[in-house]
N, C-alpha and C. Protein backbone atom coordinates (compact mmCIF):
# COMPACT_ATOMS: atom_id res chain seq x y z
N MET A 1 -67.33 -105.88 66.69
CA MET A 1 -65.89 -106.41 65.98
C MET A 1 -64.97 -105.43 66.04
N LYS A 2 -64.07 -106.06 65.56
CA LYS A 2 -62.31 -105.44 65.68
C LYS A 2 -62.15 -104.70 64.26
N SER A 3 -61.68 -103.41 64.34
CA SER A 3 -61.05 -102.91 63.11
C SER A 3 -59.66 -102.26 63.37
N ALA A 4 -58.89 -101.81 62.64
CA ALA A 4 -57.67 -101.28 62.76
C ALA A 4 -58.14 -99.92 62.41
N VAL A 5 -57.70 -98.85 63.15
CA VAL A 5 -57.91 -97.70 63.16
C VAL A 5 -56.45 -96.87 63.27
N TYR A 6 -56.31 -95.70 62.97
CA TYR A 6 -55.31 -94.65 62.99
C TYR A 6 -55.24 -94.14 64.30
N THR A 7 -54.37 -93.63 64.98
CA THR A 7 -54.41 -93.37 66.55
C THR A 7 -53.69 -92.28 66.38
N LYS A 8 -52.27 -91.82 65.80
CA LYS A 8 -51.91 -91.07 65.43
C LYS A 8 -51.25 -90.98 64.32
N ALA A 9 -50.01 -90.34 63.35
CA ALA A 9 -49.59 -90.58 62.65
C ALA A 9 -48.23 -91.28 63.26
N GLY A 10 -48.29 -92.62 62.02
CA GLY A 10 -46.89 -93.62 62.38
C GLY A 10 -47.58 -94.51 63.04
N GLN A 11 -48.67 -94.45 63.87
CA GLN A 11 -49.36 -95.68 64.93
C GLN A 11 -50.90 -95.88 64.49
N VAL A 12 -51.22 -97.56 64.40
CA VAL A 12 -52.22 -97.99 64.02
C VAL A 12 -52.82 -98.72 65.71
N GLY A 13 -54.03 -98.67 65.64
CA GLY A 13 -54.46 -99.59 66.86
C GLY A 13 -55.34 -100.15 66.36
N ILE A 14 -56.22 -101.20 67.16
CA ILE A 14 -57.69 -101.63 67.25
C ILE A 14 -58.92 -101.14 68.10
N GLU A 15 -59.81 -101.28 67.35
CA GLU A 15 -60.88 -100.47 67.90
C GLU A 15 -61.96 -101.47 67.80
N GLU A 16 -63.17 -101.62 69.20
CA GLU A 16 -64.23 -102.09 68.84
C GLU A 16 -65.26 -101.25 67.93
N ILE A 17 -65.98 -101.43 66.72
CA ILE A 17 -66.97 -100.73 66.01
C ILE A 17 -68.09 -101.68 65.37
N LYS A 18 -69.20 -101.11 64.90
CA LYS A 18 -70.56 -101.82 64.75
C LYS A 18 -69.99 -102.51 63.65
N ARG A 19 -70.55 -104.12 63.75
CA ARG A 19 -70.85 -104.88 62.74
C ARG A 19 -71.70 -104.34 61.37
N PRO A 20 -70.96 -104.41 60.01
CA PRO A 20 -72.23 -103.90 59.23
C PRO A 20 -73.17 -104.94 59.03
N SER A 21 -74.20 -104.10 58.23
CA SER A 21 -75.03 -105.10 58.23
C SER A 21 -75.69 -104.82 56.45
N ILE A 22 -76.55 -105.59 55.83
CA ILE A 22 -76.89 -105.53 54.63
C ILE A 22 -77.92 -104.28 54.69
N GLN A 23 -77.61 -103.33 53.37
CA GLN A 23 -78.39 -101.99 53.27
C GLN A 23 -79.10 -102.32 52.12
N GLU A 24 -78.82 -102.77 51.27
CA GLU A 24 -79.08 -102.83 49.74
C GLU A 24 -79.32 -104.05 49.59
N ALA A 25 -80.46 -105.01 48.28
CA ALA A 25 -80.67 -105.95 47.96
C ALA A 25 -79.44 -106.71 47.25
N ASP A 26 -78.29 -105.82 46.69
CA ASP A 26 -77.22 -106.38 46.37
C ASP A 26 -75.81 -106.13 47.44
N ASP A 27 -76.16 -106.12 48.39
CA ASP A 27 -75.31 -106.38 49.23
C ASP A 27 -74.89 -107.82 49.92
N VAL A 28 -73.54 -107.98 50.33
CA VAL A 28 -73.16 -109.12 50.70
C VAL A 28 -72.08 -108.84 52.12
N ILE A 29 -72.22 -109.74 53.21
CA ILE A 29 -71.39 -109.23 54.39
C ILE A 29 -70.59 -110.35 54.35
N ILE A 30 -69.12 -109.95 54.53
CA ILE A 30 -67.91 -110.84 54.18
C ILE A 30 -67.09 -110.90 55.34
N ARG A 31 -67.04 -112.27 56.12
CA ARG A 31 -66.03 -112.31 57.02
C ARG A 31 -64.44 -112.45 56.71
N VAL A 32 -63.48 -111.16 56.76
CA VAL A 32 -62.52 -111.34 56.49
C VAL A 32 -61.22 -112.00 56.76
N VAL A 33 -61.06 -113.26 55.65
CA VAL A 33 -59.53 -113.96 56.18
C VAL A 33 -58.45 -113.72 56.14
N ARG A 34 -58.09 -113.01 55.10
CA ARG A 34 -56.62 -111.78 55.22
C ARG A 34 -56.97 -110.64 54.37
N ALA A 35 -56.47 -109.50 54.74
CA ALA A 35 -56.18 -108.18 54.23
C ALA A 35 -55.22 -107.70 53.98
N CYS A 36 -55.15 -106.82 52.80
CA CYS A 36 -53.74 -106.44 52.51
C CYS A 36 -53.62 -104.82 53.16
N VAL A 37 -52.08 -104.21 53.23
CA VAL A 37 -51.70 -102.98 53.24
C VAL A 37 -51.03 -102.63 52.14
N CYS A 38 -52.41 -101.33 51.63
CA CYS A 38 -51.81 -101.09 50.31
C CYS A 38 -50.98 -99.72 50.45
N GLY A 39 -50.10 -99.05 49.52
CA GLY A 39 -49.28 -98.24 49.84
C GLY A 39 -50.20 -96.92 49.93
N SER A 40 -51.40 -97.12 49.34
CA SER A 40 -52.31 -95.53 49.62
C SER A 40 -52.75 -95.67 50.97
N ASP A 41 -52.82 -96.45 51.84
CA ASP A 41 -53.07 -96.86 53.38
C ASP A 41 -51.81 -95.90 53.98
N LEU A 42 -50.61 -96.12 53.50
CA LEU A 42 -49.61 -95.12 54.32
C LEU A 42 -49.98 -93.92 54.14
N TRP A 43 -50.53 -93.25 52.63
CA TRP A 43 -50.73 -92.08 53.19
C TRP A 43 -51.56 -91.50 53.77
N SER A 44 -52.27 -91.77 54.40
CA SER A 44 -52.89 -91.39 56.05
C SER A 44 -52.25 -91.87 57.15
N TYR A 45 -51.40 -93.04 57.30
CA TYR A 45 -50.48 -93.31 58.01
C TYR A 45 -49.71 -92.58 58.50
N ARG A 46 -48.88 -91.54 57.50
CA ARG A 46 -47.93 -91.12 57.32
C ARG A 46 -48.03 -89.55 57.57
N ASN A 47 -49.39 -89.29 57.66
CA ASN A 47 -50.10 -87.86 57.77
C ASN A 47 -50.24 -87.22 58.97
N PRO A 48 -49.46 -86.14 59.34
CA PRO A 48 -49.21 -85.47 60.82
C PRO A 48 -50.79 -85.19 61.38
N ASP A 49 -51.84 -84.86 60.35
CA ASP A 49 -52.44 -84.47 60.44
C ASP A 49 -53.69 -85.39 60.87
N ILE A 50 -53.40 -86.43 60.84
CA ILE A 50 -54.71 -87.67 61.08
C ILE A 50 -54.71 -87.49 62.47
N LYS A 51 -56.31 -87.43 62.54
CA LYS A 51 -57.04 -87.62 63.99
C LYS A 51 -57.33 -88.93 64.56
N ALA A 52 -57.35 -89.39 65.77
CA ALA A 52 -57.36 -90.27 66.52
C ALA A 52 -58.68 -91.20 65.92
N GLY A 53 -58.55 -92.24 65.75
CA GLY A 53 -60.04 -93.13 65.36
C GLY A 53 -60.43 -92.76 64.05
N HIS A 54 -59.65 -92.51 63.49
CA HIS A 54 -59.94 -92.37 61.82
C HIS A 54 -59.58 -93.51 61.58
N LYS A 55 -60.70 -94.66 60.77
CA LYS A 55 -60.58 -95.87 60.18
C LYS A 55 -59.69 -95.62 58.73
N ASN A 56 -58.65 -97.27 58.92
CA ASN A 56 -58.25 -97.35 57.63
C ASN A 56 -58.64 -97.55 56.49
N SER A 57 -58.26 -96.87 55.35
CA SER A 57 -59.42 -97.35 54.19
C SER A 57 -59.10 -98.82 53.64
N GLY A 58 -58.25 -99.40 53.80
CA GLY A 58 -58.10 -100.95 53.50
C GLY A 58 -59.11 -101.19 52.51
N HIS A 59 -58.49 -101.84 51.09
CA HIS A 59 -59.64 -102.03 49.96
C HIS A 59 -59.31 -103.51 49.67
N GLU A 60 -58.34 -104.20 50.22
CA GLU A 60 -58.16 -105.72 49.61
C GLU A 60 -57.80 -107.00 50.57
N ALA A 61 -58.97 -107.80 50.06
CA ALA A 61 -59.40 -108.72 51.18
C ALA A 61 -60.13 -110.13 50.17
N ILE A 62 -59.55 -111.15 50.88
CA ILE A 62 -60.04 -112.29 50.81
C ILE A 62 -61.03 -112.90 52.10
N GLY A 63 -62.49 -113.42 51.85
CA GLY A 63 -62.90 -114.10 52.88
C GLY A 63 -64.22 -114.90 52.76
N ILE A 64 -64.85 -115.07 53.74
CA ILE A 64 -66.01 -115.93 53.48
C ILE A 64 -67.21 -114.88 53.61
N VAL A 65 -68.33 -115.13 52.48
CA VAL A 65 -69.34 -114.83 52.52
C VAL A 65 -70.11 -115.60 53.94
N GLU A 66 -71.06 -114.79 54.84
CA GLU A 66 -71.47 -114.57 55.92
C GLU A 66 -73.01 -114.48 55.40
N GLU A 67 -73.64 -113.39 54.84
CA GLU A 67 -75.19 -113.18 54.63
C GLU A 67 -74.99 -112.02 53.17
N THR A 68 -76.00 -112.58 52.72
CA THR A 68 -76.41 -112.27 51.12
C THR A 68 -78.04 -111.36 51.17
N GLY A 69 -78.01 -110.38 50.46
CA GLY A 69 -79.00 -109.37 50.23
C GLY A 69 -80.07 -110.17 49.42
N GLU A 70 -81.56 -109.71 49.39
CA GLU A 70 -82.30 -110.85 48.50
C GLU A 70 -82.22 -110.83 46.83
N ALA A 71 -81.04 -110.15 46.29
CA ALA A 71 -81.07 -110.28 45.23
C ALA A 71 -79.71 -110.85 44.67
N ILE A 72 -79.10 -111.33 45.38
CA ILE A 72 -77.66 -111.94 45.42
C ILE A 72 -78.00 -113.42 44.80
N THR A 73 -77.16 -113.35 43.60
CA THR A 73 -77.91 -114.97 42.92
C THR A 73 -76.15 -115.53 42.57
N THR A 74 -75.06 -115.13 42.78
CA THR A 74 -74.08 -115.50 42.44
C THR A 74 -73.16 -116.04 43.39
N VAL A 75 -73.39 -115.65 44.69
CA VAL A 75 -72.63 -116.32 46.08
C VAL A 75 -73.72 -116.50 46.83
N LYS A 76 -73.16 -117.69 47.84
CA LYS A 76 -73.80 -117.72 48.97
C LYS A 76 -73.17 -117.90 50.09
N PRO A 77 -73.89 -118.03 51.16
CA PRO A 77 -73.30 -117.98 52.55
C PRO A 77 -72.05 -119.52 52.28
N GLY A 78 -70.94 -119.25 52.68
CA GLY A 78 -69.99 -119.95 53.05
C GLY A 78 -69.11 -120.00 51.95
N ASP A 79 -69.17 -119.42 50.71
CA ASP A 79 -68.47 -119.41 49.93
C ASP A 79 -67.10 -118.36 50.00
N PHE A 80 -66.19 -119.01 49.67
CA PHE A 80 -64.90 -118.52 49.40
C PHE A 80 -64.82 -117.60 48.64
N VAL A 81 -64.26 -116.04 48.99
CA VAL A 81 -64.45 -115.24 47.89
C VAL A 81 -62.88 -114.46 47.59
N ILE A 82 -62.52 -113.75 46.66
CA ILE A 82 -61.62 -112.83 46.41
C ILE A 82 -62.69 -111.43 46.71
N VAL A 83 -62.21 -110.27 47.11
CA VAL A 83 -62.78 -109.18 47.18
C VAL A 83 -62.12 -108.01 46.59
N PRO A 84 -62.33 -107.74 45.44
CA PRO A 84 -61.64 -106.48 44.38
C PRO A 84 -61.76 -105.17 45.08
N PHE A 85 -60.88 -104.53 44.99
CA PHE A 85 -60.79 -103.04 45.10
C PHE A 85 -61.83 -102.47 44.57
N THR A 86 -61.46 -102.45 42.85
CA THR A 86 -62.42 -101.13 41.94
C THR A 86 -63.10 -101.98 41.31
N HIS A 87 -64.56 -102.09 41.45
CA HIS A 87 -65.56 -102.60 40.88
C HIS A 87 -66.52 -101.87 40.63
N GLY A 88 -67.41 -102.52 39.82
CA GLY A 88 -68.57 -101.50 39.39
C GLY A 88 -70.33 -102.14 39.46
N CYS A 89 -71.11 -101.43 38.98
CA CYS A 89 -72.30 -101.79 39.48
C CYS A 89 -73.05 -102.86 38.46
N GLY A 90 -71.82 -103.25 37.17
CA GLY A 90 -72.79 -104.02 36.43
C GLY A 90 -73.84 -103.78 35.26
N GLU A 91 -74.28 -102.35 35.33
CA GLU A 91 -75.48 -102.32 34.67
C GLU A 91 -75.24 -100.71 33.87
N CYS A 92 -74.39 -99.86 34.31
CA CYS A 92 -74.35 -98.94 33.63
C CYS A 92 -73.81 -98.78 32.53
N ASP A 93 -73.46 -97.73 31.35
CA ASP A 93 -72.73 -97.67 30.51
C ASP A 93 -71.58 -98.01 30.53
N ALA A 94 -70.69 -97.83 31.40
CA ALA A 94 -69.23 -97.91 31.31
C ALA A 94 -69.12 -99.35 31.87
N CYS A 95 -69.90 -99.90 32.70
CA CYS A 95 -69.77 -101.14 32.85
C CYS A 95 -69.78 -102.39 32.08
N ARG A 96 -71.13 -101.94 31.46
CA ARG A 96 -71.50 -102.88 30.12
C ARG A 96 -70.56 -102.92 28.67
N ALA A 97 -69.60 -101.55 28.85
CA ALA A 97 -68.58 -101.54 27.84
C ALA A 97 -67.32 -102.03 28.57
N GLY A 98 -67.49 -102.78 29.68
CA GLY A 98 -66.15 -103.30 29.96
C GLY A 98 -65.27 -102.35 30.86
N PHE A 99 -65.54 -101.39 31.13
CA PHE A 99 -64.66 -100.13 31.90
C PHE A 99 -65.49 -100.18 33.41
N ASP A 100 -65.61 -101.21 34.21
CA ASP A 100 -66.12 -101.41 35.09
C ASP A 100 -65.47 -100.21 36.26
N GLY A 101 -64.09 -100.18 36.05
CA GLY A 101 -63.30 -99.30 36.96
C GLY A 101 -63.87 -97.69 36.82
N SER A 102 -64.26 -97.57 35.70
CA SER A 102 -65.00 -96.36 35.59
C SER A 102 -66.73 -96.03 35.72
N CYS A 103 -67.12 -97.19 36.56
CA CYS A 103 -68.52 -96.79 36.77
C CYS A 103 -68.93 -95.70 36.88
N ASP A 104 -70.20 -95.68 36.54
CA ASP A 104 -71.22 -94.25 36.71
C ASP A 104 -71.34 -94.37 37.97
N ASN A 105 -71.62 -95.25 38.70
CA ASN A 105 -72.56 -95.38 39.84
C ASN A 105 -71.79 -95.65 40.94
N HIS A 106 -70.28 -96.17 41.03
CA HIS A 106 -69.50 -96.64 41.95
C HIS A 106 -67.86 -96.71 41.30
N ILE A 107 -67.38 -96.20 42.42
CA ILE A 107 -65.82 -96.25 42.10
C ILE A 107 -65.38 -96.69 43.56
N GLY A 108 -64.55 -97.89 43.64
CA GLY A 108 -63.69 -98.13 44.77
C GLY A 108 -65.02 -98.99 45.51
N ASN A 109 -64.31 -99.34 46.85
CA ASN A 109 -65.37 -100.19 47.49
C ASN A 109 -65.44 -99.78 48.98
N ASN A 110 -65.41 -98.83 49.00
CA ASN A 110 -65.72 -97.85 50.48
C ASN A 110 -66.71 -97.66 51.30
N LEU A 111 -68.11 -98.36 50.29
CA LEU A 111 -69.46 -97.87 50.83
C LEU A 111 -69.21 -99.05 52.30
N GLY A 112 -68.70 -99.78 52.43
CA GLY A 112 -69.10 -100.95 53.28
C GLY A 112 -67.81 -100.45 54.81
N GLY A 113 -66.94 -99.36 54.37
CA GLY A 113 -65.84 -98.89 54.99
C GLY A 113 -64.64 -99.99 55.18
N ASN A 114 -63.79 -100.07 56.34
CA ASN A 114 -62.61 -100.27 56.43
C ASN A 114 -62.43 -102.16 56.00
N PHE A 115 -61.31 -102.35 55.25
CA PHE A 115 -61.23 -104.06 54.94
C PHE A 115 -60.41 -104.58 55.84
N GLN A 116 -59.74 -103.57 56.66
CA GLN A 116 -58.91 -104.06 57.79
C GLN A 116 -59.66 -104.08 58.50
N ALA A 117 -60.94 -105.11 58.90
CA ALA A 117 -61.62 -105.28 60.08
C ALA A 117 -62.25 -106.55 59.93
N GLU A 118 -62.75 -107.24 61.22
CA GLU A 118 -63.33 -108.52 61.08
C GLU A 118 -64.38 -109.16 59.50
N TYR A 119 -65.21 -107.85 59.70
CA TYR A 119 -66.39 -107.99 58.62
C TYR A 119 -66.61 -106.91 57.78
N ILE A 120 -66.98 -106.96 56.41
CA ILE A 120 -67.27 -105.88 55.68
C ILE A 120 -68.43 -106.01 54.79
N ARG A 121 -68.79 -104.86 54.46
CA ARG A 121 -70.14 -104.91 53.52
C ARG A 121 -69.69 -104.76 51.88
N PHE A 122 -70.35 -105.45 51.31
CA PHE A 122 -69.43 -105.38 49.84
C PHE A 122 -70.76 -105.13 48.92
N HIS A 123 -70.66 -104.10 48.23
CA HIS A 123 -71.85 -103.49 47.40
C HIS A 123 -71.97 -103.90 46.18
N PHE A 124 -73.17 -104.20 45.13
CA PHE A 124 -73.03 -104.87 43.83
C PHE A 124 -72.22 -105.92 43.89
N ALA A 125 -72.36 -106.88 44.68
CA ALA A 125 -71.69 -107.97 44.85
C ALA A 125 -71.89 -109.08 43.63
N ASN A 126 -73.11 -108.94 43.11
CA ASN A 126 -73.53 -109.91 42.07
C ASN A 126 -72.64 -109.53 40.88
N TRP A 127 -72.08 -108.47 40.61
CA TRP A 127 -70.93 -108.04 39.62
C TRP A 127 -69.61 -108.30 39.82
N ALA A 128 -69.01 -108.50 41.01
CA ALA A 128 -67.45 -108.23 41.28
C ALA A 128 -67.03 -109.19 42.44
N LEU A 129 -67.76 -110.11 43.22
CA LEU A 129 -66.95 -110.94 43.73
C LEU A 129 -66.52 -112.25 42.79
N VAL A 130 -65.49 -112.49 43.32
CA VAL A 130 -64.77 -113.78 42.72
C VAL A 130 -64.88 -115.06 43.65
N LYS A 131 -65.50 -116.33 43.22
CA LYS A 131 -65.47 -117.39 44.24
C LYS A 131 -63.93 -117.94 43.81
N ILE A 132 -63.56 -118.21 44.91
CA ILE A 132 -62.50 -119.39 45.30
C ILE A 132 -63.17 -120.82 45.42
N PRO A 133 -62.09 -121.64 44.54
CA PRO A 133 -62.77 -123.24 45.34
C PRO A 133 -62.34 -123.58 46.36
N GLY A 134 -63.28 -124.04 47.29
CA GLY A 134 -62.77 -124.69 48.40
C GLY A 134 -63.00 -123.61 49.31
N GLN A 135 -61.86 -123.83 50.60
CA GLN A 135 -62.08 -122.80 51.77
C GLN A 135 -60.65 -122.66 52.16
N PRO A 136 -60.69 -121.63 52.79
CA PRO A 136 -59.04 -121.04 53.65
C PRO A 136 -58.07 -122.63 53.83
N SER A 137 -58.76 -123.42 54.75
CA SER A 137 -57.88 -124.53 55.24
C SER A 137 -57.69 -125.29 53.96
N ASP A 138 -57.98 -124.97 53.05
CA ASP A 138 -57.73 -125.97 51.44
C ASP A 138 -55.97 -125.43 51.04
N TYR A 139 -55.89 -124.41 51.48
CA TYR A 139 -54.79 -123.66 50.70
C TYR A 139 -53.40 -123.27 51.87
N SER A 140 -52.21 -123.34 51.46
CA SER A 140 -51.33 -122.84 52.04
C SER A 140 -51.24 -121.33 52.73
N GLU A 141 -50.38 -121.22 53.48
CA GLU A 141 -50.34 -119.77 53.87
C GLU A 141 -50.15 -118.92 52.79
N GLY A 142 -48.94 -119.20 51.94
CA GLY A 142 -48.24 -118.56 50.80
C GLY A 142 -49.46 -118.55 49.75
N MET A 143 -50.13 -119.51 49.62
CA MET A 143 -51.49 -119.59 48.62
C MET A 143 -52.35 -118.58 48.89
N LEU A 144 -52.60 -118.52 49.95
CA LEU A 144 -53.83 -117.39 50.80
C LEU A 144 -52.93 -116.14 49.94
N LYS A 145 -52.19 -115.91 50.53
CA LYS A 145 -51.42 -114.53 50.00
C LYS A 145 -51.45 -114.43 48.91
N SER A 146 -51.01 -114.98 47.98
CA SER A 146 -50.99 -115.22 46.55
C SER A 146 -52.24 -114.91 46.19
N LEU A 147 -53.59 -115.40 46.63
CA LEU A 147 -54.86 -114.95 46.09
C LEU A 147 -55.38 -113.78 46.44
N LEU A 148 -54.67 -113.36 47.82
CA LEU A 148 -54.93 -111.93 48.42
C LEU A 148 -54.56 -110.72 47.16
N THR A 149 -53.33 -111.12 46.49
CA THR A 149 -53.13 -110.15 45.53
C THR A 149 -53.82 -110.22 44.32
N LEU A 150 -54.76 -110.83 44.24
CA LEU A 150 -55.70 -110.93 43.13
C LEU A 150 -57.05 -109.86 43.49
N ALA A 151 -57.16 -109.41 44.75
CA ALA A 151 -57.89 -108.21 45.06
C ALA A 151 -57.72 -106.63 44.64
N ASP A 152 -56.05 -106.68 43.95
CA ASP A 152 -55.91 -105.61 43.76
C ASP A 152 -54.81 -105.33 42.83
N VAL A 153 -53.81 -105.67 43.61
CA VAL A 153 -52.11 -105.35 43.48
C VAL A 153 -52.04 -106.32 41.78
N MET A 154 -52.01 -107.46 41.90
CA MET A 154 -51.66 -108.17 40.63
C MET A 154 -52.82 -107.72 39.51
N PRO A 155 -53.80 -107.89 39.42
CA PRO A 155 -54.81 -107.36 38.16
C PRO A 155 -54.03 -105.82 37.85
N THR A 156 -53.86 -105.07 38.61
CA THR A 156 -53.26 -103.77 38.34
C THR A 156 -52.04 -103.83 37.52
N GLY A 157 -51.06 -104.90 37.95
CA GLY A 157 -49.88 -105.07 37.07
C GLY A 157 -50.11 -105.71 35.78
N TYR A 158 -51.13 -106.51 36.22
CA TYR A 158 -51.36 -107.44 34.60
C TYR A 158 -52.11 -106.42 33.82
N HIS A 159 -53.20 -105.47 34.20
CA HIS A 159 -53.41 -104.80 33.51
C HIS A 159 -52.18 -103.79 32.67
N ALA A 160 -51.53 -103.34 33.48
CA ALA A 160 -50.36 -102.24 32.89
C ALA A 160 -49.84 -103.23 31.44
N ALA A 161 -49.51 -104.53 31.56
CA ALA A 161 -48.82 -105.16 30.69
C ALA A 161 -49.81 -105.44 29.52
N ARG A 162 -51.18 -105.43 29.76
CA ARG A 162 -52.02 -105.95 28.98
C ARG A 162 -52.24 -104.51 27.64
N VAL A 163 -52.53 -103.24 28.86
CA VAL A 163 -52.61 -102.17 27.69
C VAL A 163 -51.41 -101.90 27.11
N ALA A 164 -50.23 -102.06 27.75
CA ALA A 164 -48.97 -101.90 26.86
C ALA A 164 -48.52 -102.93 25.95
N ASN A 165 -49.78 -103.68 25.53
CA ASN A 165 -49.90 -104.66 24.52
C ASN A 165 -48.69 -105.57 24.60
N VAL A 166 -47.95 -106.37 25.82
CA VAL A 166 -46.96 -106.86 25.85
C VAL A 166 -47.23 -108.18 24.95
N GLN A 167 -46.21 -108.14 23.80
CA GLN A 167 -45.82 -109.74 23.12
C GLN A 167 -44.93 -110.40 23.53
N LYS A 168 -45.08 -111.56 22.74
CA LYS A 168 -43.53 -112.52 23.24
C LYS A 168 -42.76 -111.90 22.42
N GLY A 169 -41.66 -112.11 23.29
CA GLY A 169 -40.14 -111.45 22.72
C GLY A 169 -40.08 -110.39 23.16
N ASP A 170 -40.84 -109.27 23.40
CA ASP A 170 -41.14 -108.02 23.21
C ASP A 170 -40.14 -107.68 24.51
N LYS A 171 -38.69 -106.92 24.54
CA LYS A 171 -38.46 -106.10 25.63
C LYS A 171 -39.31 -105.19 26.36
N VAL A 172 -39.23 -104.98 27.58
CA VAL A 172 -40.42 -104.16 28.59
C VAL A 172 -39.32 -103.66 29.56
N VAL A 173 -39.70 -102.21 29.67
CA VAL A 173 -39.49 -101.35 31.15
C VAL A 173 -40.59 -101.10 31.74
N VAL A 174 -40.26 -101.17 33.03
CA VAL A 174 -41.43 -101.01 33.75
C VAL A 174 -40.96 -100.03 35.02
N ILE A 175 -41.40 -98.75 35.13
CA ILE A 175 -41.26 -97.58 35.68
C ILE A 175 -41.69 -97.63 37.48
N GLY A 176 -40.94 -98.23 38.33
CA GLY A 176 -41.69 -97.98 39.46
C GLY A 176 -41.61 -99.54 40.13
N ASP A 177 -40.86 -99.94 41.26
CA ASP A 177 -40.56 -101.23 41.83
C ASP A 177 -41.43 -101.01 42.99
N GLY A 178 -42.41 -100.84 43.38
CA GLY A 178 -43.19 -101.13 44.43
C GLY A 178 -43.86 -102.50 43.97
N ALA A 179 -45.18 -102.90 44.99
CA ALA A 179 -45.80 -104.12 44.43
C ALA A 179 -46.54 -104.13 43.48
N VAL A 180 -47.31 -102.98 43.05
CA VAL A 180 -47.70 -102.92 41.50
C VAL A 180 -46.58 -103.33 40.21
N GLY A 181 -45.43 -102.60 40.47
CA GLY A 181 -44.24 -102.58 39.71
C GLY A 181 -43.87 -104.11 39.35
N GLN A 182 -44.04 -104.59 40.72
CA GLN A 182 -43.32 -105.74 40.84
C GLN A 182 -44.15 -107.02 39.74
N CYS A 183 -45.46 -106.56 40.21
CA CYS A 183 -46.68 -107.28 39.70
C CYS A 183 -46.46 -107.40 37.97
N ALA A 184 -46.23 -106.26 37.74
CA ALA A 184 -46.30 -105.86 36.15
C ALA A 184 -44.99 -106.51 35.88
N VAL A 185 -43.73 -106.71 36.38
CA VAL A 185 -42.89 -107.51 35.57
C VAL A 185 -43.12 -108.97 35.58
N ILE A 186 -44.08 -109.60 36.63
CA ILE A 186 -44.46 -111.11 36.58
C ILE A 186 -45.49 -110.96 35.43
N ALA A 187 -46.38 -110.08 35.17
CA ALA A 187 -47.32 -110.02 33.93
C ALA A 187 -46.65 -109.98 32.79
N ALA A 188 -46.08 -109.24 32.50
CA ALA A 188 -45.03 -109.08 31.35
C ALA A 188 -44.35 -110.56 31.19
N LYS A 189 -43.78 -110.98 32.23
CA LYS A 189 -43.08 -112.36 31.86
C LYS A 189 -44.19 -113.48 31.50
N MET A 190 -44.96 -113.36 31.85
CA MET A 190 -46.28 -114.31 31.65
C MET A 190 -46.69 -114.27 30.29
N ARG A 191 -46.35 -113.23 29.89
CA ARG A 191 -47.07 -112.81 28.71
C ARG A 191 -45.77 -112.78 27.58
N GLY A 192 -44.81 -113.38 27.93
CA GLY A 192 -43.74 -113.78 26.76
C GLY A 192 -42.46 -112.66 26.74
N ALA A 193 -42.53 -111.66 27.39
CA ALA A 193 -41.43 -110.47 27.40
C ALA A 193 -40.26 -111.52 27.38
N SER A 194 -38.93 -111.09 26.24
CA SER A 194 -37.65 -111.64 26.46
C SER A 194 -37.06 -110.87 27.11
N GLN A 195 -37.10 -109.69 27.51
CA GLN A 195 -36.43 -108.69 28.51
C GLN A 195 -36.97 -107.93 29.62
N ILE A 196 -37.11 -107.83 30.77
CA ILE A 196 -37.83 -106.91 31.52
C ILE A 196 -36.60 -106.36 32.52
N ILE A 197 -36.96 -104.93 32.20
CA ILE A 197 -35.74 -103.93 32.95
C ILE A 197 -36.71 -103.25 34.21
N LEU A 198 -36.59 -103.67 35.19
CA LEU A 198 -37.56 -102.68 36.43
C LEU A 198 -36.63 -101.69 36.83
N MET A 199 -37.29 -100.48 36.56
CA MET A 199 -36.49 -99.20 37.15
C MET A 199 -36.96 -98.58 38.41
N SER A 200 -35.72 -98.31 39.61
CA SER A 200 -36.07 -98.15 40.67
C SER A 200 -34.82 -97.07 41.30
N ARG A 201 -35.57 -96.41 42.68
CA ARG A 201 -34.73 -95.84 43.37
C ARG A 201 -34.01 -96.48 44.54
N HIS A 202 -34.52 -97.67 44.80
CA HIS A 202 -34.01 -98.39 45.60
C HIS A 202 -33.22 -99.51 45.16
N GLU A 203 -32.25 -99.37 45.71
CA GLU A 203 -30.90 -100.60 45.33
C GLU A 203 -31.27 -101.65 45.70
N ASP A 204 -31.88 -101.84 47.08
CA ASP A 204 -32.00 -103.53 47.30
C ASP A 204 -33.47 -104.09 46.60
N ARG A 205 -33.97 -103.67 45.71
CA ARG A 205 -34.99 -103.90 45.09
C ARG A 205 -34.53 -103.88 43.49
């Protein structure tokens, strides 16, 4: 399969790599429909010491379930799903307390490698995958991009507004104008903020 790889600082190429396979009973293999480039991906992209062939970390995707491990009960082949970045196992104390981002058994989702590839292996799939009604062909390109934000950046921005307990009529300041900050603005508006100030060093934003 094809996968994005770093060729040198500031340059990305395409390489043929081995397609991932089911390794655990709660694994799922997903065919990627759309993937994001996160700001954290750019850390390696800009790194002058990056080695040729280093796979991108890529961790935000939507796709179609192709194969499922024998323990999977929540999705089936053909399902259209959001593939979230941070997810837990669903069984440890942290997950059971609602803090799956601090899972005792798993942080992030890089067990399956790069999400900027044709296929990915996704572990603990019963707990974390989110089904999207229908198929990609049912959605406009703009809606597919919106669904893709739900893999990481929009929930991160919404979590910030929720943790800050933004209430109707509140005045809110969001520090940072990147994608997460802009999603925090959207989330604060959704929660009823009367005034939202976005602090930025970038005049165009």
